[in-house]
């Protein structure tokens, strides 16, 4: 197991704090309009690439931060698809 970079850990921790805020807002308000599923998918893909890099070149404990963050973003993406239909219907009804 290699020595890990504290800078990489801090970077991942900053994101690990940010995503739960977004998830909590989605759960509390059930409003996801304005969120981008494309953006969230790209972020997940980026974390997957980070995981692959860790597996192939730099296997250390930091891999679990990538997995944790990818799970958080996947949760937010799941909530997007769970609530977007309701949000669109509510928006159409309010315009009618």
C-alpha atoms as a PDB file:
ATOM      1  CA  UNK A   1       0.000   0.000   0.000  1.00  0.00           C
ATOM      2  CA  UNK A   2       1.463   3.331  -1.092  1.00  0.00           C
ATOM      3  CA  UNK A   3       1.504   6.549   0.886  1.00  0.00           C
ATOM      4  CA  UNK A   4      -1.540   8.551  -0.050  1.00  0.00           C
ATOM      5  CA  UNK A   5      -1.653  12.223  -0.905  1.00  0.00           C
ATOM      6  CA  UNK A   6      -3.211  14.444   1.760  1.00  0.00           C
ATOM      7  CA  UNK A   7      -4.195  16.846  -1.043  1.00  0.00           C
ATOM      8  CA  UNK A   8      -6.162  14.153  -2.822  1.00  0.00           C
ATOM      9  CA  UNK A   9      -7.862  13.247   0.462  1.00  0.00           C
ATOM     10  CA  UNK A  10      -8.770  16.894   1.158  1.00  0.00           C
ATOM     11  CA  UNK A  11     -10.112  17.298  -2.387  1.00  0.00           C
ATOM     12  CA  UNK A  12     -12.335  14.235  -2.006  1.00  0.00           C
ATOM     13  CA  UNK A  13     -13.470  15.248   1.479  1.00  0.00           C
ATOM     14  CA  UNK A  14     -14.618  18.645   0.189  1.00  0.00           C
ATOM     15  CA  UNK A  15     -16.841  16.908  -2.325  1.00  0.00           C
ATOM     16  CA  UNK A  16     -17.931  14.357   0.270  1.00  0.00           C
ATOM     17  CA  UNK A  17     -19.301  17.239   2.339  1.00  0.00           C
ATOM     18  CA  UNK A  18     -20.990  18.949  -0.607  1.00  0.00           C
ATOM     19  CA  UNK A  19     -23.049  16.067  -1.987  1.00  0.00           C
ATOM     20  CA  UNK A  20     -24.968  15.278   1.229  1.00  0.00           C
ATOM     21  CA  UNK A  21     -26.166  18.904   1.245  1.00  0.00           C
ATOM     22  CA  UNK A  22     -27.598  18.414  -2.235  1.00  0.00           C
ATOM     23  CA  UNK A  23     -29.117  15.058  -1.277  1.00  0.00           C
ATOM     24  CA  UNK A  24     -30.694  16.494   1.881  1.00  0.00           C
ATOM     25  CA  UNK A  25     -32.234  19.353  -0.098  1.00  0.00           C
ATOM     26  CA  UNK A  26     -33.714  16.894  -2.614  1.00  0.00           C
ATOM     27  CA  UNK A  27     -35.144  14.750   0.165  1.00  0.00           C
ATOM     28  CA  UNK A  28     -36.512  17.733   2.096  1.00  0.00           C
ATOM     29  CA  UNK A  29     -38.058  19.660  -0.810  1.00  0.00           C
ATOM     30  CA  UNK A  30     -38.535  16.875  -3.369  1.00  0.00           C
ATOM     31  CA  UNK A  31     -37.605  19.518  -5.975  1.00  0.00           C
ATOM     32  CA  UNK A  32     -34.887  18.546  -8.449  1.00  0.00           C
ATOM     33  CA  UNK A  33     -35.607  20.916 -11.311  1.00  0.00           C
ATOM     34  CA  UNK A  34     -32.380  22.733 -12.065  1.00  0.00           C
ATOM     35  CA  UNK A  35     -30.182  19.733 -11.351  1.00  0.00           C
ATOM     36  CA  UNK A  36     -28.400  18.211 -14.308  1.00  0.00           C
ATOM     37  CA  UNK A  37     -28.435  14.434 -14.673  1.00  0.00           C
ATOM     38  CA  UNK A  38     -25.806  14.780 -17.398  1.00  0.00           C
ATOM     39  CA  UNK A  39     -23.487  16.648 -15.020  1.00  0.00           C
ATOM     40  CA  UNK A  40     -24.037  14.130 -12.223  1.00  0.00           C
ATOM     41  CA  UNK A  41     -23.358  11.267 -14.649  1.00  0.00           C
ATOM     42  CA  UNK A  42     -20.083  12.890 -15.706  1.00  0.00           C
ATOM     43  CA  UNK A  43     -19.065  13.316 -12.075  1.00  0.00           C
ATOM     44  CA  UNK A  44     -19.789   9.634 -11.407  1.00  0.00           C
ATOM     45  CA  UNK A  45     -17.751   8.724 -14.477  1.00  0.00           C
ATOM     46  CA  UNK A  46     -14.888  10.852 -13.152  1.00  0.00           C
ATOM     47  CA  UNK A  47     -15.003   9.024  -9.824  1.00  0.00           C
ATOM     48  CA  UNK A  48     -15.036   5.677 -11.669  1.00  0.00           C
ATOM     49  CA  UNK A  49     -11.900   6.765 -13.535  1.00  0.00           C
ATOM     50  CA  UNK A  50     -10.333   7.713 -10.189  1.00  0.00           C
ATOM     51  CA  UNK A  51     -11.197   4.263  -8.831  1.00  0.00           C
ATOM     52  CA  UNK A  52      -9.685   2.591 -11.890  1.00  0.00           C
ATOM     53  CA  UNK A  53      -6.509   4.658 -11.466  1.00  0.00           C
ATOM     54  CA  UNK A  54      -6.288   3.626  -7.802  1.00  0.00           C
ATOM     55  CA  UNK A  55      -6.738  -0.040  -8.671  1.00  0.00           C
ATOM     56  CA  UNK A  56      -4.174  -0.023 -11.478  1.00  0.00           C
ATOM     57  CA  UNK A  57      -1.492   2.424 -10.354  1.00  0.00           C
ATOM     58  CA  UNK A  58      -1.838   3.677  -6.810  1.00  0.00           C
ATOM     59  CA  UNK A  59      -3.770   1.225  -4.690  1.00  0.00           C
ATOM     60  CA  UNK A  60      -4.310   2.832  -1.305  1.00  0.00           C
ATOM     61  CA  UNK A  61      -7.069   3.534   1.190  1.00  0.00           C
ATOM     62  CA  UNK A  62      -8.132   6.694  -0.678  1.00  0.00           C
ATOM     63  CA  UNK A  63      -9.982   4.455  -3.133  1.00  0.00           C
ATOM     64  CA  UNK A  64     -12.775   4.260  -0.542  1.00  0.00           C
ATOM     65  CA  UNK A  65     -13.263   8.040  -0.706  1.00  0.00           C
ATOM     66  CA  UNK A  66     -13.784   7.715  -4.461  1.00  0.00           C
ATOM     67  CA  UNK A  67     -16.305   4.907  -3.877  1.00  0.00           C
ATOM     68  CA  UNK A  68     -18.062   6.896  -1.153  1.00  0.00           C
ATOM     69  CA  UNK A  69     -18.298  10.027  -3.319  1.00  0.00           C
ATOM     70  CA  UNK A  70     -19.509   8.064  -6.346  1.00  0.00           C
ATOM     71  CA  UNK A  71     -22.199   6.521  -4.123  1.00  0.00           C
ATOM     72  CA  UNK A  72     -23.287   9.962  -2.920  1.00  0.00           C
ATOM     73  CA  UNK A  73     -23.587  11.309  -6.462  1.00  0.00           C
ATOM     74  CA  UNK A  74     -25.404   8.151  -7.582  1.00  0.00           C
ATOM     75  CA  UNK A  75     -27.855   8.700  -4.722  1.00  0.00           C
ATOM     76  CA  UNK A  76     -28.448  12.272  -5.850  1.00  0.00           C
ATOM     77  CA  UNK A  77     -28.931  11.064  -9.437  1.00  0.00           C
ATOM     78  CA  UNK A  78     -31.414   8.428  -8.231  1.00  0.00           C
ATOM     79  CA  UNK A  79     -33.373  11.119  -6.392  1.00  0.00           C
ATOM     80  CA  UNK A  80     -33.390  13.237  -9.547  1.00  0.00           C
ATOM     81  CA  UNK A  81     -35.099  10.474 -11.522  1.00  0.00           C
ATOM     82  CA  UNK A  82     -37.399   9.683  -8.594  1.00  0.00           C
ATOM     83  CA  UNK A  83     -38.733  13.251  -8.330  1.00  0.00           C
ATOM     84  CA  UNK A  84     -38.371  14.820 -11.801  1.00  0.00           C
ATOM     85  CA  UNK A  85     -41.672  13.416 -13.110  1.00  0.00           C
ATOM     86  CA  UNK A  86     -43.591  14.882 -10.181  1.00  0.00           C
ATOM     87  CA  UNK A  87     -41.734  18.198 -10.544  1.00  0.00           C
ATOM     88  CA  UNK A  88     -42.628  18.454 -14.225  1.00  0.00           C
ATOM     89  CA  UNK A  89     -46.294  17.639 -13.543  1.00  0.00           C
ATOM     90  CA  UNK A  90     -46.436  20.231 -10.744  1.00  0.00           C
ATOM     91  CA  UNK A  91     -44.829  22.806 -13.031  1.00  0.00           C
ATOM     92  CA  UNK A  92     -47.340  22.112 -15.815  1.00  0.00           C
ATOM     93  CA  UNK A  93     -50.266  22.321 -13.408  1.00  0.00           C
ATOM     94  CA  UNK A  94     -49.060  25.633 -12.004  1.00  0.00           C
ATOM     95  CA  UNK A  95     -48.838  27.074 -15.530  1.00  0.00           C
ATOM     96  CA  UNK A  96     -52.348  25.903 -16.454  1.00  0.00           C
END
